[in-house]
Amino acid sequence: MAATLGRNHSSVSEFILVGFSTFPRHLLPAFFLLFLLMYLFTLLGNLLIMTTVWSERSLHTPMYLFLCALSTSEILYTLAITPRLLADLLSTRHTITWAACASQMFFSFTFGFTHSFLLTVMGYDRYVAICHPLRYNVLMSPRGCACLVAWSWVGGSVTGLVVTTAVFHLTFCGPNEIHHFLCHVPPLLKLACGTDVPAVAKGVGLVCIMALLGCCLLILLSYAFIVATILRIPSAEGRHKAFSTCASHLTVVIVHYGFASVVYLKPKGPQYLERDTLMAITYTVLTPFLSPIIFSLRNKELKTAMTKTFLRKLHPSSI
């Protein structure tokens, strides 16, 4: 049995996701219940945000259009990872086919990088709104916003395709145990054989670092200009009002890149397998779970609109 991609042939047709199988079995039902509740809350929270934005005409602005796109990317990102994770927690068979593994990697990278690109676009939106308010309607026109969202999705898709094609163009000679709960690049590269592995590892690492670091630097640059502009506002009330429009986005950015930094900069080794598994949960389950909470609680306009929408559904005649 062999799986192929291009001209290379692999002797491995399926992989085993080790994931949480190294943990005591009595803990797995608790993990399942916790991750299931977080997953359902992530889906419901993002769907509520999208429903609220589309139903409230006052929220039909570029900032909330980008928020809808961000919620969509988060839903799709969790769909690519969490259902498989939940199934494996209750199953004794943790195999995944070569094609399913490649698909999971492609979709997780596509939606993950789309999320990063959209956060960058939202930072640019806040920069234009605060630093160039008189030109906001021109710079953030409906067509311009649609192009920014479209290019974010294109960028995420291209990055996902490049990474997945590079990794699965390699030959996997065995063993076939992936020390992770999803098809992630580092553990898969450890299973590959051939002279191309070091070059692929460097190339994939360079693509990912350039994309994420580029997004991070653009966001930092946007906020450097935003802070400089806010500090020039004479009244404390004006400064508070300007900063409050950025608070939710800035908090999500800190959470997003904070967890990613901890995960990718931590020491690696076989003695860290269980810790690595738990740390990976922070950016695959915890970050998408926290995002709708942060946007809902830190954004007064959205919170008010969500309450109004929820009450309208419960008591149609009273609103």
C-alpha atoms as a PDB file:
ATOM      1  CA  MET A   1       0.000   0.000   0.000  1.00  0.00           C
ATOM      2  CA  ALA A   2       1.422   3.353  -0.982  1.00  0.00           C
ATOM      3  CA  ALA A   3       0.388   6.963  -1.037  1.00  0.00           C
ATOM      4  CA  THR A   4       1.809   9.256  -3.683  1.00  0.00           C
ATOM      5  CA  LEU A   5       2.172  12.964  -4.312  1.00  0.00           C
ATOM      6  CA  GLY A   6       3.951  13.968  -7.500  1.00  0.00           C
ATOM      7  CA  ARG A   7       6.847  11.689  -8.333  1.00  0.00           C
ATOM      8  CA  ASN A   8       7.689  10.486  -4.810  1.00  0.00           C
ATOM      9  CA  HIS A   9       6.373   7.191  -3.436  1.00  0.00           C
ATOM     10  CA  SER A  10       5.779   6.627   0.247  1.00  0.00           C
ATOM     11  CA  SER A  11       5.829   3.288   2.043  1.00  0.00           C
ATOM     12  CA  VAL A  12       3.469   4.750   4.680  1.00  0.00           C
ATOM     13  CA  SER A  13      -0.228   4.828   3.797  1.00  0.00           C
ATOM     14  CA  GLU A  14      -1.519   5.825   7.216  1.00  0.00           C
ATOM     15  CA  PHE A  15      -0.260   7.446  10.396  1.00  0.00           C
ATOM     16  CA  ILE A  16      -0.993   7.000  14.100  1.00  0.00           C
ATOM     17  CA  LEU A  17      -1.789  10.156  16.051  1.00  0.00           C
ATOM     18  CA  VAL A  18      -0.265   9.534  19.470  1.00  0.00           C
ATOM     19  CA  GLY A  19      -1.853  12.686  20.934  1.00  0.00           C
ATOM     20  CA  PHE A  20      -3.352  12.092  24.370  1.00  0.00           C
ATOM     21  CA  SER A  21      -2.780   8.313  24.346  1.00  0.00           C
ATOM     22  CA  THR A  22       0.262   8.826  26.599  1.00  0.00           C
ATOM     23  CA  PHE A  23      -1.968  10.313  29.320  1.00  0.00           C
ATOM     24  CA  PRO A  24      -3.702   8.154  31.981  1.00  0.00           C
ATOM     25  CA  ARG A  25      -6.928   6.762  30.477  1.00  0.00           C
ATOM     26  CA  HIS A  26      -9.086   7.961  33.381  1.00  0.00           C
ATOM     27  CA  LEU A  27      -8.280  11.576  32.397  1.00  0.00           C
ATOM     28  CA  LEU A  28      -9.446  11.239  28.783  1.00  0.00           C
ATOM     29  CA  PRO A  29     -13.239  11.535  29.453  1.00  0.00           C
ATOM     30  CA  ALA A  30     -12.590  14.734  31.423  1.00  0.00           C
ATOM     31  CA  PHE A  31     -10.476  16.104  28.562  1.00  0.00           C
ATOM     32  CA  PHE A  32     -13.223  15.131  26.103  1.00  0.00           C
ATOM     33  CA  LEU A  33     -15.944  16.943  28.058  1.00  0.00           C
ATOM     34  CA  LEU A  34     -13.804  20.055  28.564  1.00  0.00           C
ATOM     35  CA  PHE A  35     -12.734  20.309  24.909  1.00  0.00           C
ATOM     36  CA  LEU A  36     -16.266  19.548  23.686  1.00  0.00           C
ATOM     37  CA  LEU A  37     -17.743  22.378  25.764  1.00  0.00           C
ATOM     38  CA  MET A  38     -15.022  24.779  24.596  1.00  0.00           C
ATOM     39  CA  TYR A  39     -15.569  23.706  20.979  1.00  0.00           C
ATOM     40  CA  LEU A  40     -19.354  24.208  21.167  1.00  0.00           C
ATOM     41  CA  PHE A  41     -18.895  27.591  22.848  1.00  0.00           C
ATOM     42  CA  THR A  42     -16.421  28.607  20.125  1.00  0.00           C
ATOM     43  CA  LEU A  43     -18.918  27.694  17.392  1.00  0.00           C
ATOM     44  CA  LEU A  44     -21.902  29.325  19.128  1.00  0.00           C
ATOM     45  CA  GLY A  45     -19.949  32.444  20.095  1.00  0.00           C
ATOM     46  CA  ASN A  46     -18.664  33.068  16.585  1.00  0.00           C
ATOM     47  CA  LEU A  47     -22.053  32.279  15.014  1.00  0.00           C
ATOM     48  CA  LEU A  48     -23.706  34.728  17.413  1.00  0.00           C
ATOM     49  CA  ILE A  49     -21.213  37.430  16.439  1.00  0.00           C
ATOM     50  CA  MET A  50     -21.841  36.813  12.734  1.00  0.00           C
ATOM     51  CA  THR A  51     -25.631  36.764  13.185  1.00  0.00           C
ATOM     52  CA  THR A  52     -25.553  39.980  15.211  1.00  0.00           C
ATOM     53  CA  VAL A  53     -23.385  41.826  12.693  1.00  0.00           C
ATOM     54  CA  TRP A  54     -25.554  40.803   9.752  1.00  0.00           C
ATOM     55  CA  SER A  55     -28.856  41.584  11.519  1.00  0.00           C
ATOM     56  CA  GLU A  56     -27.868  44.984  12.974  1.00  0.00           C
ATOM     57  CA  ARG A  57     -27.537  47.688  10.319  1.00  0.00           C
ATOM     58  CA  SER A  58     -25.544  49.873  12.716  1.00  0.00           C
ATOM     59  CA  LEU A  59     -22.760  47.262  12.600  1.00  0.00           C
ATOM     60  CA  HIS A  60     -22.472  47.240   8.810  1.00  0.00           C
ATOM     61  CA  THR A  61     -19.039  48.886   8.940  1.00  0.00           C
ATOM     62  CA  PRO A  62     -15.574  47.719   7.827  1.00  0.00           C
ATOM     63  CA  MET A  63     -14.492  46.822  11.369  1.00  0.00           C
ATOM     64  CA  TYR A  64     -17.392  44.414  11.837  1.00  0.00           C
ATOM     65  CA  LEU A  65     -17.076  43.038   8.301  1.00  0.00           C
ATOM     66  CA  PHE A  66     -13.526  42.025   9.205  1.00  0.00           C
ATOM     67  CA  LEU A  67     -14.774  40.595  12.494  1.00  0.00           C
ATOM     68  CA  CYS A  68     -17.275  38.416  10.585  1.00  0.00           C
ATOM     69  CA  ALA A  69     -14.481  37.173   8.320  1.00  0.00           C
ATOM     70  CA  LEU A  70     -12.349  36.467  11.406  1.00  0.00           C
ATOM     71  CA  SER A  71     -15.197  34.508  13.034  1.00  0.00           C
ATOM     72  CA  THR A  72     -15.609  32.469   9.838  1.00  0.00           C
ATOM     73  CA  SER A  73     -11.906  31.597   9.776  1.00  0.00           C
ATOM     74  CA  GLU A  74     -12.027  30.559  13.447  1.00  0.00           C
ATOM     75  CA  ILE A  75     -15.035  28.292  12.894  1.00  0.00           C
ATOM     76  CA  LEU A  76     -13.362  26.602   9.925  1.00  0.00           C
ATOM     77  CA  TYR A  77     -10.029  26.325  11.772  1.00  0.00           C
ATOM     78  CA  THR A  78     -11.632  24.536  14.726  1.00  0.00           C
ATOM     79  CA  LEU A  79     -13.629  22.305  12.347  1.00  0.00           C
ATOM     80  CA  ALA A  80     -10.352  21.164  10.781  1.00  0.00           C
ATOM     81  CA  ILE A  81      -8.865  20.108  14.122  1.00  0.00           C
ATOM     82  CA  THR A  82     -11.229  19.677  17.074  1.00  0.00           C
ATOM     83  CA  PRO A  83     -13.717  17.003  15.823  1.00  0.00           C
ATOM     84  CA  ARG A  84     -10.807  14.661  15.086  1.00  0.00           C
ATOM     85  CA  LEU A  85      -9.293  15.424  18.497  1.00  0.00           C
ATOM     86  CA  LEU A  86     -12.583  14.658  20.262  1.00  0.00           C
ATOM     87  CA  ALA A  87     -13.040  11.384  18.352  1.00  0.00           C
ATOM     88  CA  ASP A  88      -9.521  10.226  19.226  1.00  0.00           C
ATOM     89  CA  LEU A  89     -10.074  10.932  22.924  1.00  0.00           C
ATOM     90  CA  LEU A  90     -12.847   8.308  22.989  1.00  0.00           C
ATOM     91  CA  SER A  91     -11.335   5.869  20.508  1.00  0.00           C
ATOM     92  CA  THR A  92      -8.679   3.203  20.910  1.00  0.00           C
ATOM     93  CA  ARG A  93      -7.802   3.414  17.208  1.00  0.00           C
ATOM     94  CA  HIS A  94      -5.924   6.625  16.389  1.00  0.00           C
ATOM     95  CA  THR A  95      -4.984   5.998  12.761  1.00  0.00           C
ATOM     96  CA  ILE A  96      -5.385   8.628  10.073  1.00  0.00           C
ATOM     97  CA  THR A  97      -4.911   8.011   6.352  1.00  0.00           C
ATOM     98  CA  TRP A  98      -2.187   9.736   4.356  1.00  0.00           C
ATOM     99  CA  ALA A  99      -4.780  11.762   2.410  1.00  0.00           C
ATOM    100  CA  ALA A 100      -6.745  12.758   5.534  1.00  0.00           C
ATOM    101  CA  CYS A 101      -3.519  13.840   7.235  1.00  0.00           C
ATOM    102  CA  ALA A 102      -2.554  15.998   4.239  1.00  0.00           C
ATOM    103  CA  SER A 103      -6.051  17.508   4.137  1.00  0.00           C
ATOM    104  CA  GLN A 104      -5.985  18.355   7.839  1.00  0.00           C
ATOM    105  CA  MET A 105      -2.607  20.046   7.495  1.00  0.00           C
ATOM    106  CA  PHE A 106      -3.760  22.061   4.485  1.00  0.00           C
ATOM    107  CA  PHE A 107      -6.978  23.296   6.068  1.00  0.00           C
ATOM    108  CA  SER A 108      -5.459  24.001   9.495  1.00  0.00           C
ATOM    109  CA  PHE A 109      -2.635  26.041   7.945  1.00  0.00           C
ATOM    110  CA  THR A 110      -4.968  27.777   5.496  1.00  0.00           C
ATOM    111  CA  PHE A 111      -7.455  28.927   8.131  1.00  0.00           C
ATOM    112  CA  GLY A 112      -4.731  29.576  10.715  1.00  0.00           C
ATOM    113  CA  PHE A 113      -2.773  31.911   8.442  1.00  0.00           C
ATOM    114  CA  THR A 114      -5.982  33.510   7.152  1.00  0.00           C
ATOM    115  CA  HIS A 115      -6.732  34.332  10.792  1.00  0.00           C
ATOM    116  CA  SER A 116      -3.311  36.015  11.156  1.00  0.00           C
ATOM    117  CA  PHE A 117      -3.746  37.990   7.930  1.00  0.00           C
ATOM    118  CA  LEU A 118      -7.217  39.156   9.005  1.00  0.00           C
ATOM    119  CA  LEU A 119      -5.865  40.314  12.376  1.00  0.00           C
ATOM    120  CA  THR A 120      -3.314  42.366  10.418  1.00  0.00           C
ATOM    121  CA  VAL A 121      -6.063  43.858   8.244  1.00  0.00           C
ATOM    122  CA  MET A 122      -8.055  44.750  11.370  1.00  0.00           C
ATOM    123  CA  GLY A 123      -4.983  46.518  12.757  1.00  0.00           C
ATOM    124  CA  TYR A 124      -4.735  48.530   9.542  1.00  0.00           C
ATOM    125  CA  ASP A 125      -8.444  49.388   9.818  1.00  0.00           C
ATOM    126  CA  ARG A 126      -7.920  50.775  13.338  1.00  0.00           C
ATOM    127  CA  TYR A 127      -4.864  52.709  12.117  1.00  0.00           C
ATOM    128  CA  VAL A 128      -6.851  54.385   9.335  1.00  0.00           C
ATOM    129  CA  ALA A 129      -9.828  55.093  11.639  1.00  0.00           C
ATOM    130  CA  ILE A 130      -7.715  56.820  14.303  1.00  0.00           C
ATOM    131  CA  CYS A 131      -4.812  58.317  12.346  1.00  0.00           C
ATOM    132  CA  HIS A 132      -6.673  59.306   9.143  1.00  0.00           C
ATOM    133  CA  PRO A 133     -10.368  59.635  10.110  1.00  0.00           C
ATOM    134  CA  LEU A 134     -11.185  62.098   7.291  1.00  0.00           C
ATOM    135  CA  ARG A 135      -9.934  59.633   4.658  1.00  0.00           C
ATOM    136  CA  TYR A 136     -11.477  56.551   6.298  1.00  0.00           C
ATOM    137  CA  ASN A 137     -14.470  56.233   3.950  1.00  0.00           C
ATOM    138  CA  VAL A 138     -12.182  56.497   0.934  1.00  0.00           C
ATOM    139  CA  LEU A 139      -9.437  54.143   2.125  1.00  0.00           C
ATOM    140  CA  MET A 140     -11.875  51.615   3.619  1.00  0.00           C
ATOM    141  CA  SER A 141     -14.490  51.604   0.860  1.00  0.00           C
ATOM    142  CA  PRO A 142     -16.689  48.492   0.480  1.00  0.00           C
ATOM    143  CA  ARG A 143     -14.646  47.378  -2.519  1.00  0.00           C
ATOM    144  CA  GLY A 144     -11.372  48.000  -0.679  1.00  0.00           C
ATOM    145  CA  CYS A 145     -12.566  46.025   2.350  1.00  0.00           C
ATOM    146  CA  ALA A 146     -13.717  43.134   0.173  1.00  0.00           C
ATOM    147  CA  CYS A 147     -10.295  43.060  -1.517  1.00  0.00           C
ATOM    148  CA  LEU A 148      -8.487  43.013   1.846  1.00  0.00           C
ATOM    149  CA  VAL A 149     -10.634  40.094   3.051  1.00  0.00           C
ATOM    150  CA  ALA A 150     -10.232  38.247  -0.259  1.00  0.00           C
ATOM    151  CA  TRP A 151      -6.450  38.661  -0.262  1.00  0.00           C
ATOM    152  CA  SER A 152      -6.312  37.409   3.335  1.00  0.00           C
ATOM    153  CA  TRP A 153      -8.081  34.205   2.270  1.00  0.00           C
ATOM    154  CA  VAL A 154      -5.905  33.877  -0.834  1.00  0.00           C
ATOM    155  CA  GLY A 155      -2.761  34.393   1.252  1.00  0.00           C
ATOM    156  CA  GLY A 156      -3.869  31.774   3.772  1.00  0.00           C
ATOM    157  CA  SER A 157      -4.733  29.283   1.022  1.00  0.00           C
ATOM    158  CA  VAL A 158      -1.423  29.764  -0.790  1.00  0.00           C
ATOM    159  CA  THR A 159       0.549  29.377   2.449  1.00  0.00           C
ATOM    160  CA  GLY A 160      -1.380  26.224   3.348  1.00  0.00           C
ATOM    161  CA  LEU A 161      -0.850  24.781  -0.137  1.00  0.00           C
ATOM    162  CA  VAL A 162       2.879  25.549  -0.180  1.00  0.00           C
ATOM    163  CA  VAL A 163       3.501  24.035   3.271  1.00  0.00           C
ATOM    164  CA  THR A 164       1.363  20.934   2.692  1.00  0.00           C
ATOM    165  CA  THR A 165       2.783  20.232  -0.768  1.00  0.00           C
ATOM    166  CA  ALA A 166       6.363  20.615   0.485  1.00  0.00           C
ATOM    167  CA  VAL A 167       5.853  18.265   3.457  1.00  0.00           C
ATOM    168  CA  PHE A 168       3.853  15.570   1.665  1.00  0.00           C
ATOM    169  CA  HIS A 169       6.218  15.570  -1.306  1.00  0.00           C
ATOM    170  CA  LEU A 170       8.672  13.855   1.033  1.00  0.00           C
ATOM    171  CA  THR A 171       8.998  10.092   1.443  1.00  0.00           C
ATOM    172  CA  PHE A 172       7.744   8.583   4.710  1.00  0.00           C
ATOM    173  CA  CYS A 173       9.539   5.305   5.330  1.00  0.00           C
ATOM    174  CA  GLY A 174       8.295   4.569   8.846  1.00  0.00           C
ATOM    175  CA  PRO A 175       7.771   4.533  11.751  1.00  0.00           C
ATOM    176  CA  ASN A 176       4.372   6.131  11.334  1.00  0.00           C
ATOM    177  CA  GLU A 177       3.619   7.488  14.839  1.00  0.00           C
ATOM    178  CA  ILE A 178       2.958  11.239  14.890  1.00  0.00           C
ATOM    179  CA  HIS A 179       3.656  12.560  18.391  1.00  0.00           C
ATOM    180  CA  HIS A 180       0.824  15.062  18.256  1.00  0.00           C
ATOM    181  CA  PHE A 181      -2.977  15.072  18.144  1.00  0.00           C
ATOM    182  CA  LEU A 182      -3.020  16.581  14.638  1.00  0.00           C
ATOM    183  CA  CYS A 183      -0.932  16.388  11.483  1.00  0.00           C
ATOM    184  CA  HIS A 184       1.590  19.084  12.327  1.00  0.00           C
ATOM    185  CA  VAL A 185       4.813  19.859  10.457  1.00  0.00           C
ATOM    186  CA  PRO A 186       7.598  19.189  13.044  1.00  0.00           C
ATOM    187  CA  PRO A 187       6.460  15.688  14.105  1.00  0.00           C
ATOM    188  CA  LEU A 188       5.777  14.727  10.482  1.00  0.00           C
ATOM    189  CA  LEU A 189       9.231  15.846   9.358  1.00  0.00           C
ATOM    190  CA  LYS A 190      10.724  13.486  11.966  1.00  0.00           C
ATOM    191  CA  LEU A 191       9.053  10.598  10.128  1.00  0.00           C
ATOM    192  CA  ALA A 192      10.334  11.595   6.686  1.00  0.00           C
ATOM    193  CA  CYS A 193      13.454  10.161   5.110  1.00  0.00           C
ATOM    194  CA  GLY A 194      15.677  11.264   2.255  1.00  0.00           C
ATOM    195  CA  THR A 195      18.147  14.037   1.513  1.00  0.00           C
ATOM    196  CA  ASP A 196      15.412  16.620   0.944  1.00  0.00           C
ATOM    197  CA  VAL A 197      14.192  16.698   4.566  1.00  0.00           C
ATOM    198  CA  PRO A 198      16.594  19.391   5.920  1.00  0.00           C
ATOM    199  CA  ALA A 199      15.899  21.686   2.957  1.00  0.00           C
ATOM    200  CA  VAL A 200      12.128  21.240   3.286  1.00  0.00           C
ATOM    201  CA  ALA A 201      12.299  21.857   7.042  1.00  0.00           C
ATOM    202  CA  LYS A 202      14.229  25.106   6.509  1.00  0.00           C
ATOM    203  CA  GLY A 203      11.973  26.201   3.645  1.00  0.00           C
ATOM    204  CA  VAL A 204       8.713  25.538   5.498  1.00  0.00           C
ATOM    205  CA  GLY A 205      10.083  27.181   8.636  1.00  0.00           C
ATOM    206  CA  LEU A 206      11.143  30.235   6.640  1.00  0.00           C
ATOM    207  CA  VAL A 207       7.716  30.585   4.984  1.00  0.00           C
ATOM    208  CA  CYS A 208       5.877  30.320   8.301  1.00  0.00           C
ATOM    209  CA  ILE A 209       8.224  32.656  10.176  1.00  0.00           C
ATOM    210  CA  MET A 210       8.172  35.272   7.408  1.00  0.00           C
ATOM    211  CA  ALA A 211       4.361  35.212   7.233  1.00  0.00           C
ATOM    212  CA  LEU A 212       3.771  35.367  10.988  1.00  0.00           C
ATOM    213  CA  LEU A 213       6.600  37.810  11.708  1.00  0.00           C
ATOM    214  CA  GLY A 214       5.465  40.016   8.834  1.00  0.00           C
ATOM    215  CA  CYS A 215       1.919  40.117  10.231  1.00  0.00           C
ATOM    216  CA  CYS A 216       3.199  40.805  13.739  1.00  0.00           C
ATOM    217  CA  LEU A 217       5.477  43.645  12.605  1.00  0.00           C
ATOM    218  CA  LEU A 218       2.698  45.282  10.562  1.00  0.00           C
ATOM    219  CA  ILE A 219       0.364  45.141  13.573  1.00  0.00           C
ATOM    220  CA  LEU A 220       3.067  46.611  15.828  1.00  0.00           C
ATOM    221  CA  LEU A 221       3.703  49.381  13.294  1.00  0.00           C
ATOM    222  CA  SER A 222      -0.025  50.164  13.095  1.00  0.00           C
ATOM    223  CA  TYR A 223      -0.269  50.420  16.877  1.00  0.00           C
ATOM    224  CA  ALA A 224       2.885  52.545  17.108  1.00  0.00           C
ATOM    225  CA  PHE A 225       1.172  55.156  14.911  1.00  0.00           C
ATOM    226  CA  ILE A 226      -2.127  54.690  16.788  1.00  0.00           C
ATOM    227  CA  VAL A 227      -0.508  55.272  20.198  1.00  0.00           C
ATOM    228  CA  ALA A 228       1.357  58.331  18.890  1.00  0.00           C
ATOM    229  CA  THR A 229      -1.922  59.779  17.568  1.00  0.00           C
ATOM    230  CA  ILE A 230      -3.899  58.976  20.741  1.00  0.00           C
ATOM    231  CA  LEU A 231      -1.271  60.671  22.943  1.00  0.00           C
ATOM    232  CA  ARG A 232      -1.759  63.888  20.953  1.00  0.00           C
ATOM    233  CA  ILE A 233      -5.489  63.984  21.793  1.00  0.00           C
ATOM    234  CA  PRO A 234      -5.882  66.754  24.415  1.00  0.00           C
ATOM    235  CA  SER A 235      -8.765  65.341  26.479  1.00  0.00           C
ATOM    236  CA  ALA A 236      -8.573  62.196  28.619  1.00  0.00           C
ATOM    237  CA  GLU A 237     -12.082  61.248  27.490  1.00  0.00           C
ATOM    238  CA  GLY A 238     -11.057  61.486  23.851  1.00  0.00           C
ATOM    239  CA  ARG A 239      -7.978  59.325  24.454  1.00  0.00           C
ATOM    240  CA  HIS A 240     -10.060  56.723  26.288  1.00  0.00           C
ATOM    241  CA  LYS A 241     -12.691  56.640  23.532  1.00  0.00           C
ATOM    242  CA  ALA A 242     -10.053  56.229  20.811  1.00  0.00           C
ATOM    243  CA  PHE A 243      -8.230  53.462  22.657  1.00  0.00           C
ATOM    244  CA  SER A 244     -11.460  51.614  23.523  1.00  0.00           C
ATOM    245  CA  THR A 245     -12.091  50.994  19.813  1.00  0.00           C
ATOM    246  CA  CYS A 246      -8.788  49.068  19.674  1.00  0.00           C
ATOM    247  CA  ALA A 247      -8.934  47.239  23.010  1.00  0.00           C
ATOM    248  CA  SER A 248     -10.645  44.032  21.860  1.00  0.00           C
ATOM    249  CA  HIS A 249      -8.468  43.653  18.746  1.00  0.00           C
ATOM    250  CA  LEU A 250      -5.266  44.352  20.667  1.00  0.00           C
ATOM    251  CA  THR A 251      -6.222  41.817  23.366  1.00  0.00           C
ATOM    252  CA  VAL A 252      -6.895  39.088  20.768  1.00  0.00           C
ATOM    253  CA  VAL A 253      -3.564  39.872  19.056  1.00  0.00           C
ATOM    254  CA  ILE A 254      -1.691  39.540  22.369  1.00  0.00           C
ATOM    255  CA  VAL A 255      -3.430  36.234  23.139  1.00  0.00           C
ATOM    256  CA  HIS A 256      -2.885  34.915  19.588  1.00  0.00           C
ATOM    257  CA  TYR A 257       0.821  35.735  19.331  1.00  0.00           C
ATOM    258  CA  GLY A 258       1.491  35.199  23.026  1.00  0.00           C
ATOM    259  CA  PHE A 259       0.362  31.562  22.969  1.00  0.00           C
ATOM    260  CA  ALA A 260       2.034  30.973  19.585  1.00  0.00           C
ATOM    261  CA  SER A 261       5.346  32.312  20.951  1.00  0.00           C
ATOM    262  CA  VAL A 262       5.204  30.087  24.020  1.00  0.00           C
ATOM    263  CA  VAL A 263       4.427  27.023  21.897  1.00  0.00           C
ATOM    264  CA  TYR A 264       7.099  27.541  19.247  1.00  0.00           C
ATOM    265  CA  LEU A 265       9.902  28.907  21.464  1.00  0.00           C
ATOM    266  CA  LYS A 266       9.679  26.268  24.203  1.00  0.00           C
ATOM    267  CA  PRO A 267      12.340  23.503  24.561  1.00  0.00           C
ATOM    268  CA  LYS A 268      11.622  20.352  22.554  1.00  0.00           C
ATOM    269  CA  GLY A 269      12.473  16.743  23.245  1.00  0.00           C
ATOM    270  CA  PRO A 270      10.948  13.330  23.969  1.00  0.00           C
ATOM    271  CA  GLN A 271      10.720  14.165  27.691  1.00  0.00           C
ATOM    272  CA  TYR A 272       8.385  17.044  26.865  1.00  0.00           C
ATOM    273  CA  LEU A 273       5.783  15.098  24.843  1.00  0.00           C
ATOM    274  CA  GLU A 274       2.888  15.393  27.311  1.00  0.00           C
ATOM    275  CA  ARG A 275       3.653  19.030  28.036  1.00  0.00           C
ATOM    276  CA  ASP A 276       3.894  19.775  24.299  1.00  0.00           C
ATOM    277  CA  THR A 277       0.479  18.182  23.762  1.00  0.00           C
ATOM    278  CA  LEU A 278      -1.126  20.379  26.426  1.00  0.00           C
ATOM    279  CA  MET A 279       0.670  23.487  25.136  1.00  0.00           C
ATOM    280  CA  ALA A 280      -0.626  22.816  21.607  1.00  0.00           C
ATOM    281  CA  ILE A 281      -4.167  22.991  23.018  1.00  0.00           C
ATOM    282  CA  THR A 282      -3.606  26.699  23.746  1.00  0.00           C
ATOM    283  CA  TYR A 283      -3.533  27.698  20.077  1.00  0.00           C
ATOM    284  CA  THR A 284      -5.841  24.996  18.664  1.00  0.00           C
ATOM    285  CA  VAL A 285      -8.661  25.075  21.243  1.00  0.00           C
ATOM    286  CA  LEU A 286      -8.094  27.812  23.844  1.00  0.00           C
ATOM    287  CA  THR A 287      -7.321  30.763  21.547  1.00  0.00           C
ATOM    288  CA  PRO A 288     -10.430  30.260  19.333  1.00  0.00           C
ATOM    289  CA  PHE A 289     -12.461  29.803  22.545  1.00  0.00           C
ATOM    290  CA  LEU A 290     -11.241  33.102  24.033  1.00  0.00           C
ATOM    291  CA  SER A 291     -11.557  35.205  20.879  1.00  0.00           C
ATOM    292  CA  PRO A 292     -15.393  35.598  20.769  1.00  0.00           C
ATOM    293  CA  ILE A 293     -15.421  36.203  24.533  1.00  0.00           C
ATOM    294  CA  ILE A 294     -12.894  39.025  24.217  1.00  0.00           C
ATOM    295  CA  PHE A 295     -14.644  40.677  21.271  1.00  0.00           C
ATOM    296  CA  SER A 296     -18.018  40.400  23.020  1.00  0.00           C
ATOM    297  CA  LEU A 297     -16.929  41.731  26.408  1.00  0.00           C
ATOM    298  CA  ARG A 298     -14.412  44.383  25.332  1.00  0.00           C
ATOM    299  CA  ASN A 299     -16.555  45.900  22.566  1.00  0.00           C
ATOM    300  CA  LYS A 300     -19.480  47.824  24.078  1.00  0.00           C
ATOM    301  CA  GLU A 301     -21.265  48.384  20.746  1.00  0.00           C
ATOM    302  CA  LEU A 302     -21.128  44.698  19.829  1.00  0.00           C
ATOM    303  CA  LYS A 303     -22.127  43.611  23.341  1.00  0.00           C
ATOM    304  CA  THR A 304     -25.192  45.859  23.266  1.00  0.00           C
ATOM    305  CA  ALA A 305     -26.186  44.634  19.792  1.00  0.00           C
ATOM    306  CA  MET A 306     -25.735  40.971  20.804  1.00  0.00           C
ATOM    307  CA  THR A 307     -27.948  41.474  23.865  1.00  0.00           C
ATOM    308  CA  LYS A 308     -30.570  43.143  21.690  1.00  0.00           C
ATOM    309  CA  THR A 309     -30.460  40.323  19.128  1.00  0.00           C
ATOM    310  CA  PHE A 310     -30.669  37.651  21.836  1.00  0.00           C
ATOM    311  CA  LEU A 311     -33.650  39.315  23.506  1.00  0.00           C
ATOM    312  CA  ARG A 312     -35.379  39.716  20.140  1.00  0.00           C
ATOM    313  CA  LYS A 313     -35.099  35.961  19.578  1.00  0.00           C
ATOM    314  CA  LEU A 314     -36.491  35.180  23.039  1.00  0.00           C
ATOM    315  CA  HIS A 315     -39.252  37.804  23.104  1.00  0.00           C
ATOM    316  CA  PRO A 316     -40.037  38.921  19.542  1.00  0.00           C
ATOM    317  CA  SER A 317     -42.996  41.064  20.628  1.00  0.00           C
ATOM    318  CA  SER A 318     -41.143  43.004  23.328  1.00  0.00           C
ATOM    319  CA  ILE A 319     -38.392  44.476  21.132  1.00  0.00           C
END
